[in-house]
Amino acid sequence: MNNTPATPHRPTRLLVVDDDIDTCANLADILSDVGYEVRTALDAASALRALDEQAFDIVLLDLKMPGMDGLQLYRELKHRSASTVAILITGFADAETRQQAEQLGVWRILPKPVDVPALLPLISEAAEQPLLLIVDDDPDFCASLHDVLREQSFRVSIAGSAQEAAEQMARQEFPIMLVDWRLPDADGLTLLKQIHEQQPLVRTVLLSGHREELKQRLEQNSLHGVDVFFYKPLEMDTFLGTLQRWASPQK
């Protein structure tokens, strides 16, 4: 697999979190040389500040750090940036640690010291995973769909409102967007029209659990800005098939 970043819009952004300054510096030099945009953090607090300032595609996490360890940090990271792919790097990967990491959603676990030739293909693979944004104010639905889509190798970000979606769209581009019809601060159909006007190439899905009301609405309005709509509960095979077809040119 090619070890260079594949995104056409900007370099893939990586955050390296390790309390060993030499490890951070070495990884930053190597990854920058092959074209990635790299930022480092020596502790969890610095990592969280970095996440507040910009979006990262991939985070490399040391497990053992003073204060908040790598798994604790990833729990917090998921709330702030659910689409960031986590690679845990540790010299203490016992069975219990691996189980906790996998349950939490860590994508890969690598031994320490880092085997750079093994790491580079993994970073390339993670960077090529298609990115999408779910805009829905039902946290249980979002969490469940996030897990399903991660199993299908999508990078998934979540916004609970149109305002949160706008904030996330200002930080990074989403080739695919899934928007609920009813949002606390906007009409989903109107939001998708606005998104499509700003980003004509984005692929869009309108979601709704209100079949009859949406049917009446659609009789009065065109689906401008909407590629497809799905009713909740989702027909998962058809839904995933649609997303996979859209994502295949990106892989």
Protein backbone atom coordinates (compact mmCIF):
# COMPACT_ATOMS: atom_id res chain seq x y z
CA MET A 1 0.00 0.00 0.00
CA ASN A 2 1.17 3.52 -0.78
CA ASN A 3 2.46 5.26 2.36
CA THR A 4 1.74 8.82 1.20
CA PRO A 5 -1.40 10.73 2.18
CA ALA A 6 -4.31 10.38 -0.23
CA THR A 7 -6.67 13.24 0.64
CA PRO A 8 -6.98 15.75 -2.24
CA HIS A 9 -7.98 18.73 -0.10
CA ARG A 10 -5.30 18.98 2.57
CA PRO A 11 -2.59 16.84 4.14
CA THR A 12 -3.79 14.21 6.58
CA ARG A 13 -3.52 15.59 10.11
CA LEU A 14 -1.93 13.47 12.83
CA LEU A 15 -1.66 14.08 16.55
CA VAL A 16 1.14 12.22 18.35
CA VAL A 17 0.63 11.98 22.12
CA ASP A 18 3.54 10.63 24.18
CA ASP A 19 5.27 11.85 27.33
CA ASP A 20 8.65 10.95 25.80
CA ILE A 21 9.85 14.07 23.99
CA ASP A 22 12.28 12.12 21.79
CA THR A 23 9.55 9.74 20.62
CA CYS A 24 7.33 12.68 19.70
CA ALA A 25 10.13 14.45 17.86
CA ASN A 26 11.23 11.36 15.93
CA LEU A 27 7.71 10.44 14.84
CA ALA A 28 6.96 14.04 13.89
CA ASP A 29 10.08 14.19 11.70
CA ILE A 30 9.38 10.87 9.97
CA LEU A 31 5.69 11.51 9.36
CA SER A 32 6.25 15.07 8.20
CA ASP A 33 8.86 13.85 5.71
CA VAL A 34 6.27 11.59 3.99
CA GLY A 35 3.76 14.43 3.72
CA TYR A 36 1.59 14.35 6.82
CA GLU A 37 0.71 17.38 8.92
CA VAL A 38 1.86 16.47 12.43
CA ARG A 39 1.34 17.99 15.85
CA THR A 40 2.68 16.57 19.10
CA ALA A 41 1.52 16.64 22.72
CA LEU A 42 3.45 15.47 25.78
CA ASP A 43 0.38 14.94 27.98
CA ALA A 44 -3.39 14.61 27.86
CA ALA A 45 -4.07 18.25 28.68
CA SER A 46 -1.97 19.43 25.72
CA ALA A 47 -3.65 16.88 23.47
CA LEU A 48 -7.13 18.09 24.43
CA ARG A 49 -6.12 21.71 23.78
CA ALA A 50 -4.90 20.68 20.33
CA LEU A 51 -8.21 18.92 19.64
CA ASP A 52 -10.10 22.09 20.58
CA GLU A 53 -8.05 24.06 18.07
CA GLN A 54 -8.26 21.81 15.01
CA ALA A 55 -9.54 18.50 13.69
CA PHE A 56 -7.21 15.50 13.43
CA ASP A 57 -7.71 12.50 11.19
CA ILE A 58 -5.53 10.14 13.24
CA VAL A 59 -4.13 10.14 16.75
CA LEU A 60 -1.19 8.03 17.92
CA LEU A 61 -1.62 7.45 21.66
CA ASP A 62 0.92 6.26 24.18
CA LEU A 63 -0.78 4.12 26.82
CA LYS A 64 1.31 4.90 29.91
CA MET A 65 1.46 8.62 30.66
CA PRO A 66 1.39 10.61 33.90
CA GLY A 67 -2.13 11.56 34.94
CA MET A 68 -4.64 10.58 32.24
CA ASP A 69 -3.44 7.50 30.35
CA GLY A 70 -4.00 6.78 26.66
CA LEU A 71 -7.31 4.97 27.08
CA GLN A 72 -8.72 7.63 29.39
CA LEU A 73 -7.65 10.27 26.90
CA TYR A 74 -9.33 8.42 24.05
CA ARG A 75 -12.62 8.31 25.97
CA GLU A 76 -12.52 12.11 26.14
CA LEU A 77 -11.26 12.41 22.56
CA LYS A 78 -14.27 10.46 21.25
CA HIS A 79 -16.63 13.06 22.72
CA ARG A 80 -14.76 15.91 21.03
CA SER A 81 -13.77 14.28 17.74
CA ALA A 82 -15.56 11.00 17.11
CA SER A 83 -14.15 10.68 13.58
CA THR A 84 -10.50 10.62 14.69
CA VAL A 85 -8.95 7.17 14.21
CA ALA A 86 -6.93 6.03 17.24
CA ILE A 87 -3.79 3.90 17.12
CA LEU A 88 -2.58 2.88 20.59
CA ILE A 89 1.17 2.43 21.02
CA THR A 90 2.26 0.60 24.14
CA GLY A 91 4.78 -1.73 25.67
CA PHE A 92 2.12 -2.98 28.10
CA ALA A 93 -0.48 -4.55 25.79
CA ASP A 94 -1.75 -7.39 27.96
CA ALA A 95 -5.04 -9.17 27.20
CA GLU A 96 -7.07 -6.90 29.50
CA THR A 97 -5.64 -3.75 27.94
CA ARG A 98 -6.39 -5.02 24.44
CA GLN A 99 -9.95 -5.88 25.40
CA GLN A 100 -10.53 -2.45 26.94
CA ALA A 101 -9.05 -0.71 23.91
CA GLU A 102 -11.13 -2.71 21.44
CA GLN A 103 -14.34 -2.13 23.41
CA LEU A 104 -13.60 1.58 23.48
CA GLY A 105 -13.08 1.71 19.72
CA VAL A 106 -9.30 1.95 19.37
CA TRP A 107 -8.59 0.95 15.78
CA ARG A 108 -5.15 -0.70 16.12
CA ILE A 109 -2.66 -1.51 18.90
CA LEU A 110 1.06 -1.47 18.16
CA PRO A 111 3.98 -2.45 20.40
CA LYS A 112 6.53 0.03 21.65
CA PRO A 113 9.15 0.96 20.49
CA VAL A 114 7.34 1.89 17.29
CA ASP A 115 8.04 -0.18 14.19
CA VAL A 116 7.85 2.65 11.65
CA PRO A 117 7.68 0.40 8.53
CA ALA A 118 4.65 -1.30 10.11
CA LEU A 119 3.10 2.00 11.24
CA LEU A 120 3.19 3.83 7.89
CA PRO A 121 0.84 1.48 6.00
CA LEU A 122 -1.62 1.60 8.89
CA ILE A 123 -1.65 5.40 8.85
CA SER A 124 -2.21 5.36 5.09
CA GLU A 125 -5.07 2.89 5.46
CA ALA A 126 -6.71 4.94 8.21
CA ALA A 127 -6.38 8.15 6.19
CA GLU A 128 -8.18 6.54 3.26
CA GLN A 129 -11.25 5.62 5.33
CA PRO A 130 -14.20 7.69 4.03
CA LEU A 131 -15.36 10.50 6.29
CA LEU A 132 -18.98 11.36 7.06
CA LEU A 133 -20.98 13.54 9.44
CA ILE A 134 -24.17 12.49 11.24
CA VAL A 135 -26.38 15.43 12.23
CA ASP A 136 -29.02 14.12 14.65
CA ASP A 137 -30.08 15.10 18.17
CA ASP A 138 -30.78 11.52 19.31
CA PRO A 139 -27.57 10.49 21.13
CA ASP A 140 -28.49 6.80 21.31
CA PHE A 141 -29.21 6.62 17.60
CA CYS A 142 -25.95 8.44 16.81
CA ALA A 143 -23.89 6.19 19.10
CA SER A 144 -25.39 3.03 17.63
CA LEU A 145 -24.96 4.19 14.04
CA HIS A 146 -21.41 5.36 14.79
CA ASP A 147 -20.45 1.86 15.92
CA VAL A 148 -22.05 0.22 12.89
CA LEU A 149 -20.31 2.57 10.47
CA ARG A 150 -16.93 2.23 12.20
CA GLU A 151 -17.21 -1.53 11.67
CA GLN A 152 -17.56 -0.71 7.97
CA SER A 153 -14.37 1.41 8.12
CA PHE A 154 -16.05 4.82 7.94
CA ARG A 155 -14.69 7.70 9.97
CA VAL A 156 -17.75 9.14 11.67
CA SER A 157 -18.26 12.55 13.22
CA ILE A 158 -21.42 13.53 15.11
CA ALA A 159 -23.30 16.82 15.54
CA GLY A 160 -26.43 17.22 17.64
CA SER A 161 -27.68 20.37 15.92
CA ALA A 162 -27.30 22.50 12.80
CA GLN A 163 -25.04 24.85 14.76
CA GLU A 164 -22.72 22.02 15.79
CA ALA A 165 -22.70 20.81 12.19
CA ALA A 166 -21.66 24.25 10.98
CA GLU A 167 -18.85 24.36 13.53
CA GLN A 168 -17.56 20.97 12.43
CA MET A 169 -17.85 21.83 8.74
CA ALA A 170 -15.70 24.90 9.41
CA ARG A 171 -12.96 22.59 10.75
CA GLN A 172 -12.99 19.94 8.00
CA GLU A 173 -14.76 18.80 4.85
CA PHE A 174 -17.28 15.95 4.91
CA PRO A 175 -17.85 14.18 1.57
CA ILE A 176 -20.98 12.47 3.01
CA MET A 177 -23.58 13.95 5.37
CA LEU A 178 -26.50 12.24 7.11
CA VAL A 179 -29.06 14.73 8.43
CA ASP A 180 -32.17 14.09 10.51
CA TRP A 181 -35.32 15.82 9.29
CA ARG A 182 -36.12 17.30 12.70
CA LEU A 183 -33.29 19.15 14.46
CA PRO A 184 -33.59 21.33 17.57
CA ASP A 185 -32.48 24.45 15.69
CA ALA A 186 -33.26 23.77 12.02
CA ASP A 187 -35.32 21.87 9.50
CA GLY A 188 -33.15 19.07 8.13
CA LEU A 189 -34.41 19.41 4.57
CA THR A 190 -33.67 23.13 4.55
CA LEU A 191 -30.23 22.48 6.07
CA LEU A 192 -29.37 19.97 3.35
CA LYS A 193 -30.38 22.44 0.64
CA GLN A 194 -28.06 25.03 2.18
CA ILE A 195 -25.23 22.52 2.45
CA HIS A 196 -25.65 21.44 -1.15
CA GLU A 197 -25.58 25.05 -2.34
CA GLN A 198 -22.30 25.60 -0.50
CA GLN A 199 -20.76 22.20 -1.35
CA PRO A 200 -22.32 20.83 -4.58
CA LEU A 201 -20.24 17.64 -4.50
CA VAL A 202 -21.27 16.49 -1.03
CA ARG A 203 -23.44 13.34 -0.94
CA THR A 204 -26.45 13.75 1.32
CA VAL A 205 -28.92 11.53 3.19
CA LEU A 206 -32.12 12.77 4.83
CA LEU A 207 -33.21 10.67 7.83
CA SER A 208 -36.63 10.64 9.45
CA GLY A 209 -38.67 8.63 11.92
CA HIS A 210 -41.85 10.49 10.92
CA ARG A 211 -42.90 8.69 7.76
CA GLU A 212 -46.31 10.28 7.15
CA GLU A 213 -45.25 13.84 8.01
CA LEU A 214 -42.18 13.60 5.80
CA LYS A 215 -44.26 12.14 2.98
CA GLN A 216 -46.59 15.14 3.13
CA ARG A 217 -43.64 17.51 3.22
CA LEU A 218 -42.05 15.86 0.21
CA GLU A 219 -45.29 16.22 -1.75
CA GLN A 220 -45.03 19.99 -1.27
CA ASN A 221 -41.26 20.39 -1.76
CA SER A 222 -38.65 19.06 -4.10
CA LEU A 223 -35.73 17.01 -2.83
CA HIS A 224 -33.21 19.59 -4.01
CA GLY A 225 -30.02 19.00 -2.04
CA VAL A 226 -30.97 15.44 -1.01
CA ASP A 227 -29.47 12.43 -2.79
CA VAL A 228 -31.56 9.87 -0.92
CA PHE A 229 -33.74 9.59 2.18
CA PHE A 230 -34.22 6.76 4.66
CA TYR A 231 -36.85 6.19 7.29
CA LYS A 232 -35.98 5.11 10.82
CA PRO A 233 -35.48 2.36 11.81
CA LEU A 234 -33.01 2.06 8.97
CA GLU A 235 -33.05 -0.74 6.43
CA MET A 236 -29.41 -1.32 7.24
CA ASP A 237 -28.34 -3.43 4.26
CA THR A 238 -29.71 -0.92 1.76
CA PHE A 239 -28.43 2.01 3.79
CA LEU A 240 -24.89 0.63 4.08
CA GLY A 241 -24.87 -0.39 0.44
CA THR A 242 -25.63 3.20 -0.56
CA LEU A 243 -22.84 4.63 1.58
CA GLN A 244 -20.34 2.04 0.38
CA ARG A 245 -21.10 2.86 -3.26
CA TRP A 246 -20.55 6.53 -2.57
CA ALA A 247 -17.34 5.85 -0.67
CA SER A 248 -15.74 3.42 -3.10
CA PRO A 249 -14.06 6.09 -5.29
CA GLN A 250 -12.41 7.47 -2.12
CA LYS A 251 -10.89 4.13 -1.10
